[in-house]
Amino acid sequence: MTIKLLGILTGLSLFIGANICAAQTSGAGTPAATPLAAAQGYVPPMRGAPSRRVGGSSRGVDDQLPNVVALVPDHVGLTTMEHPTLYWYLSKPTAVPIEITLIREARIQPLIEASAGTALAAGIHAIRLSDYGVNLVPGVEYEWSVALVLNPDERSHDIISAGAMMRVGLAPDQETRLAGIGRNVVGLAYAQEGIWYDAIATLSAAIDADAANKHLHAQRAGVLEQVGLGEPAAFDVLSVK
């Protein structure tokens, strides 16, 4: 990790904290409809499962290759969505083929095995399960991965980043807490409820609609940093001029 990146990560928490507080107001200093009690970021579900995240760094393989990172926690991430949008990060532009795979637990045949395209830019990218007609079954674990395909004839050489997810329903108390949450903090609200994929998807959709909003980038970066995704978090903050 470069000295520059270390410096960014060192100051990231303070920057994020200040911006989250600012994001909890809307308009000219008007409090959001349902302000969060404390901007603590992501609160993992209490499941006690072993780590399910697979890395994706290409360092040590070829310094010309990018790092590819699935934006996932180190445990089974939760979603309430039937067909969520999944996000992944690419550290630098590349023409190396990239493939996205989704597998249901106890199944061998992938539900999705699709190219993410070629000549992709650095940054955070998305795959929408709705584009592939995939609907998640509640209570079932799925694993998804993003891979740099270095040699299509030798897939053991792929550089892979992967994580797991499960669709769940919201408990009545969660629905109550999420009701009426302001647009600028709803992503953080999902994060505090332990609903990882909804948090990232909601924050990312808000960023897509307002790409120059530093507060939204800081919120997403804070959630990413909290689960050990420091490099994508730093990129998120730097991407806003």
Protein backbone atom coordinates (compact mmCIF):
# COMPACT_ATOMS: atom_id res chain seq x y z
CA MET A 1 0.00 0.00 0.00
CA THR A 2 1.43 3.37 -0.97
CA ILE A 3 2.23 6.14 1.49
CA LYS A 4 -0.42 8.27 -0.21
CA LEU A 5 -3.11 5.65 0.35
CA LEU A 6 -2.08 5.19 3.98
CA GLY A 7 -2.43 8.92 4.51
CA ILE A 8 -5.88 8.93 2.95
CA LEU A 9 -7.04 6.06 5.14
CA THR A 10 -5.64 7.68 8.29
CA GLY A 11 -7.73 10.79 7.78
CA LEU A 12 -10.76 9.07 6.30
CA SER A 13 -12.61 8.36 9.54
CA LEU A 14 -12.55 12.00 10.67
CA PHE A 15 -13.65 13.19 7.24
CA ILE A 16 -16.49 10.67 7.12
CA GLY A 17 -17.69 11.49 10.62
CA ALA A 18 -17.96 15.18 9.83
CA ASN A 19 -19.77 14.55 6.56
CA ILE A 20 -22.22 12.05 8.06
CA CYS A 21 -23.24 14.61 10.65
CA ALA A 22 -23.74 17.16 7.88
CA ALA A 23 -25.74 14.66 5.85
CA GLN A 24 -28.26 14.24 8.66
CA THR A 25 -29.78 17.60 7.79
CA SER A 26 -31.66 18.45 4.65
CA GLY A 27 -32.40 21.79 3.04
CA ALA A 28 -31.20 24.90 4.86
CA GLY A 29 -30.22 23.24 8.11
CA THR A 30 -33.55 21.46 8.51
CA PRO A 31 -33.25 18.15 10.41
CA ALA A 32 -33.89 15.01 8.36
CA ALA A 33 -37.31 13.39 8.84
CA THR A 34 -35.94 10.64 11.10
CA PRO A 35 -32.35 11.42 12.14
CA LEU A 36 -30.15 8.48 13.05
CA ALA A 37 -29.47 8.14 16.74
CA ALA A 38 -25.73 7.77 16.14
CA ALA A 39 -23.80 7.63 12.88
CA GLN A 40 -22.01 4.37 13.68
CA GLY A 41 -22.13 2.94 10.18
CA TYR A 42 -22.59 -0.75 9.49
CA VAL A 43 -23.74 -3.01 12.34
CA PRO A 44 -23.14 -6.65 11.30
CA PRO A 45 -25.88 -9.19 12.02
CA MET A 46 -25.14 -11.43 14.99
CA ARG A 47 -24.63 -14.73 13.20
CA GLY A 48 -21.20 -15.93 14.32
CA ALA A 49 -20.37 -17.41 10.92
CA PRO A 50 -16.78 -17.78 9.67
CA SER A 51 -15.37 -15.32 7.17
CA ARG A 52 -16.90 -15.68 3.70
CA ARG A 53 -15.00 -12.98 1.83
CA VAL A 54 -12.35 -13.90 -0.72
CA GLY A 55 -9.68 -11.31 -1.59
CA GLY A 56 -8.95 -10.05 -5.08
CA SER A 57 -5.61 -8.32 -5.00
CA SER A 58 -3.42 -8.84 -8.05
CA ARG A 59 -0.28 -7.66 -6.27
CA GLY A 60 2.43 -10.27 -6.49
CA VAL A 61 0.94 -11.57 -9.73
CA ASP A 62 1.54 -8.67 -12.08
CA ASP A 63 1.83 -5.04 -11.00
CA GLN A 64 0.26 -3.99 -14.29
CA LEU A 65 -2.99 -5.70 -13.34
CA PRO A 66 -5.69 -3.94 -11.30
CA ASN A 67 -7.03 -5.03 -7.96
CA VAL A 68 -10.59 -6.28 -8.22
CA VAL A 69 -12.72 -6.24 -5.07
CA ALA A 70 -16.30 -7.36 -4.50
CA LEU A 71 -17.92 -4.83 -2.16
CA VAL A 72 -18.94 -7.37 0.45
CA PRO A 73 -18.52 -7.83 4.21
CA ASP A 74 -16.46 -10.72 5.63
CA HIS A 75 -19.64 -12.66 6.48
CA VAL A 76 -22.92 -13.45 4.75
CA GLY A 77 -24.31 -10.05 3.82
CA LEU A 78 -28.06 -9.52 3.99
CA THR A 79 -30.55 -8.01 1.55
CA THR A 80 -34.30 -7.55 1.59
CA MET A 81 -34.39 -7.29 -2.22
CA GLU A 82 -35.61 -10.00 -4.56
CA HIS A 83 -33.06 -9.02 -7.19
CA PRO A 84 -30.46 -6.69 -5.64
CA THR A 85 -27.74 -4.77 -7.42
CA LEU A 86 -24.22 -5.92 -6.55
CA TYR A 87 -21.16 -3.68 -6.58
CA TRP A 88 -17.46 -4.24 -7.15
CA TYR A 89 -14.33 -2.10 -7.44
CA LEU A 90 -11.55 -1.95 -10.00
CA SER A 91 -8.36 -0.13 -8.98
CA LYS A 92 -7.21 0.86 -12.48
CA PRO A 93 -8.43 0.64 -16.07
CA THR A 94 -8.00 -2.73 -17.71
CA ALA A 95 -8.69 -4.58 -20.94
CA VAL A 96 -8.45 -7.95 -19.18
CA PRO A 97 -11.80 -9.76 -19.40
CA ILE A 98 -13.87 -9.64 -16.22
CA GLU A 99 -16.53 -12.20 -15.36
CA ILE A 100 -19.31 -12.08 -12.78
CA THR A 101 -20.65 -15.35 -11.34
CA LEU A 102 -23.58 -16.04 -9.00
CA ILE A 103 -24.13 -19.49 -7.48
CA ARG A 104 -26.92 -20.71 -5.20
CA GLU A 105 -25.81 -22.83 -2.25
CA ALA A 106 -25.67 -26.57 -2.87
CA ARG A 107 -25.90 -25.99 -6.61
CA ILE A 108 -23.12 -26.48 -9.14
CA GLN A 109 -24.55 -24.69 -12.17
CA PRO A 110 -24.20 -20.88 -11.84
CA LEU A 111 -27.30 -18.71 -12.02
CA ILE A 112 -25.17 -16.03 -13.66
CA GLU A 113 -21.90 -16.40 -15.51
CA ALA A 114 -21.57 -13.17 -17.47
CA SER A 115 -18.93 -10.87 -18.90
CA ALA A 116 -18.70 -7.46 -17.29
CA GLY A 117 -17.32 -6.03 -20.51
CA THR A 118 -13.87 -4.99 -21.64
CA ALA A 119 -11.74 -1.83 -21.39
CA LEU A 120 -13.37 -0.98 -18.06
CA ALA A 121 -12.45 2.20 -16.18
CA ALA A 122 -11.21 2.35 -12.61
CA GLY A 123 -13.93 2.78 -10.04
CA ILE A 124 -17.04 1.18 -8.57
CA HIS A 125 -19.12 -0.91 -10.98
CA ALA A 126 -22.49 -2.63 -10.68
CA ILE A 127 -24.31 -5.75 -11.83
CA ARG A 128 -28.12 -5.79 -11.61
CA LEU A 129 -29.58 -9.22 -10.99
CA SER A 130 -32.84 -8.04 -12.55
CA ASP A 131 -31.02 -7.80 -15.90
CA TYR A 132 -30.52 -11.57 -15.75
CA GLY A 133 -33.95 -12.56 -14.49
CA VAL A 134 -32.53 -13.78 -11.16
CA ASN A 135 -34.74 -13.61 -8.08
CA LEU A 136 -33.26 -14.52 -4.70
CA VAL A 137 -35.12 -17.04 -2.56
CA PRO A 138 -35.48 -15.93 1.09
CA GLY A 139 -33.31 -17.82 3.58
CA VAL A 140 -31.00 -19.27 0.92
CA GLU A 141 -27.28 -18.44 0.75
CA TYR A 142 -25.75 -17.32 -2.51
CA GLU A 143 -22.12 -16.73 -3.41
CA TRP A 144 -21.11 -14.23 -6.04
CA SER A 145 -17.72 -13.37 -7.44
CA VAL A 146 -15.94 -11.02 -9.79
CA ALA A 147 -12.89 -12.39 -11.58
CA LEU A 148 -10.07 -11.12 -13.77
CA VAL A 149 -9.80 -13.82 -16.41
CA LEU A 150 -6.08 -13.87 -17.21
CA ASN A 151 -6.27 -16.97 -19.40
CA PRO A 152 -9.64 -18.30 -20.61
CA ASP A 153 -8.05 -21.71 -21.11
CA GLU A 154 -6.60 -21.84 -17.58
CA ARG A 155 -9.28 -20.56 -15.22
CA SER A 156 -7.21 -21.58 -12.21
CA HIS A 157 -5.20 -18.42 -12.94
CA ASP A 158 -8.21 -16.16 -12.38
CA ILE A 159 -7.89 -13.42 -9.78
CA ILE A 160 -11.14 -13.66 -7.84
CA SER A 161 -12.93 -11.60 -5.22
CA ALA A 162 -16.10 -13.11 -3.76
CA GLY A 163 -18.66 -12.85 -1.02
CA ALA A 164 -21.93 -14.34 0.18
CA MET A 165 -25.46 -13.02 0.60
CA MET A 166 -28.89 -14.03 1.81
CA ARG A 167 -32.31 -12.50 1.31
CA VAL A 168 -34.24 -11.81 4.51
CA GLY A 169 -37.37 -9.98 5.57
CA LEU A 170 -37.43 -6.94 7.80
CA ALA A 171 -38.65 -7.38 11.36
CA PRO A 172 -41.53 -5.08 12.39
CA ASP A 173 -39.23 -2.98 14.58
CA GLN A 174 -36.82 -2.55 11.67
CA GLU A 175 -39.64 -1.43 9.39
CA THR A 176 -40.65 1.11 12.02
CA ARG A 177 -37.12 2.50 12.33
CA LEU A 178 -36.70 2.74 8.55
CA ALA A 179 -40.06 4.39 7.92
CA GLY A 180 -39.74 8.05 7.05
CA ILE A 181 -35.93 8.09 6.94
CA GLY A 182 -34.61 11.05 4.94
CA ARG A 183 -33.16 10.36 1.49
CA ASN A 184 -29.63 11.41 2.47
CA VAL A 185 -29.39 8.97 5.38
CA VAL A 186 -31.51 5.98 4.34
CA GLY A 187 -28.38 4.11 3.20
CA LEU A 188 -26.84 4.54 6.63
CA ALA A 189 -30.10 3.42 8.22
CA TYR A 190 -29.94 0.14 6.31
CA ALA A 191 -26.31 -0.21 7.37
CA GLN A 192 -27.20 0.21 11.02
CA GLU A 193 -29.87 -2.47 10.64
CA GLY A 194 -27.22 -4.86 9.31
CA ILE A 195 -28.72 -4.98 5.79
CA TRP A 196 -25.46 -4.72 3.85
CA TYR A 197 -26.53 -4.97 0.23
CA ASP A 198 -29.48 -2.60 0.63
CA ALA A 199 -27.18 -0.07 2.30
CA ILE A 200 -24.60 -0.14 -0.50
CA ALA A 201 -27.26 -0.18 -3.23
CA THR A 202 -29.19 2.74 -1.70
CA LEU A 203 -26.06 4.83 -1.19
CA SER A 204 -24.85 4.03 -4.71
CA ALA A 205 -28.21 4.93 -6.28
CA ALA A 206 -28.12 8.26 -4.44
CA ILE A 207 -24.57 8.86 -5.71
CA ASP A 208 -25.64 8.02 -9.27
CA ALA A 209 -28.30 10.70 -8.97
CA ASP A 210 -25.96 13.27 -7.39
CA ALA A 211 -22.40 12.28 -8.29
CA ALA A 212 -20.81 15.47 -6.92
CA ASN A 213 -22.29 15.07 -3.44
CA LYS A 214 -19.30 14.63 -1.11
CA HIS A 215 -21.51 13.67 1.83
CA LEU A 216 -22.94 10.66 0.00
CA HIS A 217 -19.50 9.50 -1.13
CA ALA A 218 -18.25 9.89 2.45
CA GLN A 219 -21.13 7.81 3.80
CA ARG A 220 -20.46 4.97 1.37
CA ALA A 221 -16.72 5.19 2.00
CA GLY A 222 -17.31 4.95 5.73
CA VAL A 223 -19.37 1.78 5.40
CA LEU A 224 -16.75 0.23 3.10
CA GLU A 225 -13.86 1.14 5.39
CA GLN A 226 -15.65 -0.33 8.39
CA VAL A 227 -15.58 -3.85 6.88
CA GLY A 228 -11.96 -3.59 5.79
CA LEU A 229 -12.45 -2.34 2.23
CA GLY A 230 -10.02 0.53 2.64
CA GLU A 231 -8.85 0.87 -0.94
CA PRO A 232 -12.35 1.24 -2.46
CA ALA A 233 -13.22 3.62 0.39
CA ALA A 234 -10.23 5.85 -0.35
CA PHE A 235 -11.04 5.83 -4.06
CA ASP A 236 -14.62 6.85 -3.27
CA VAL A 237 -13.49 9.92 -1.36
CA LEU A 238 -10.88 10.91 -3.95
CA SER A 239 -13.34 10.53 -6.83
CA VAL A 240 -15.16 13.71 -5.81
CA LYS A 241 -13.40 16.93 -6.78
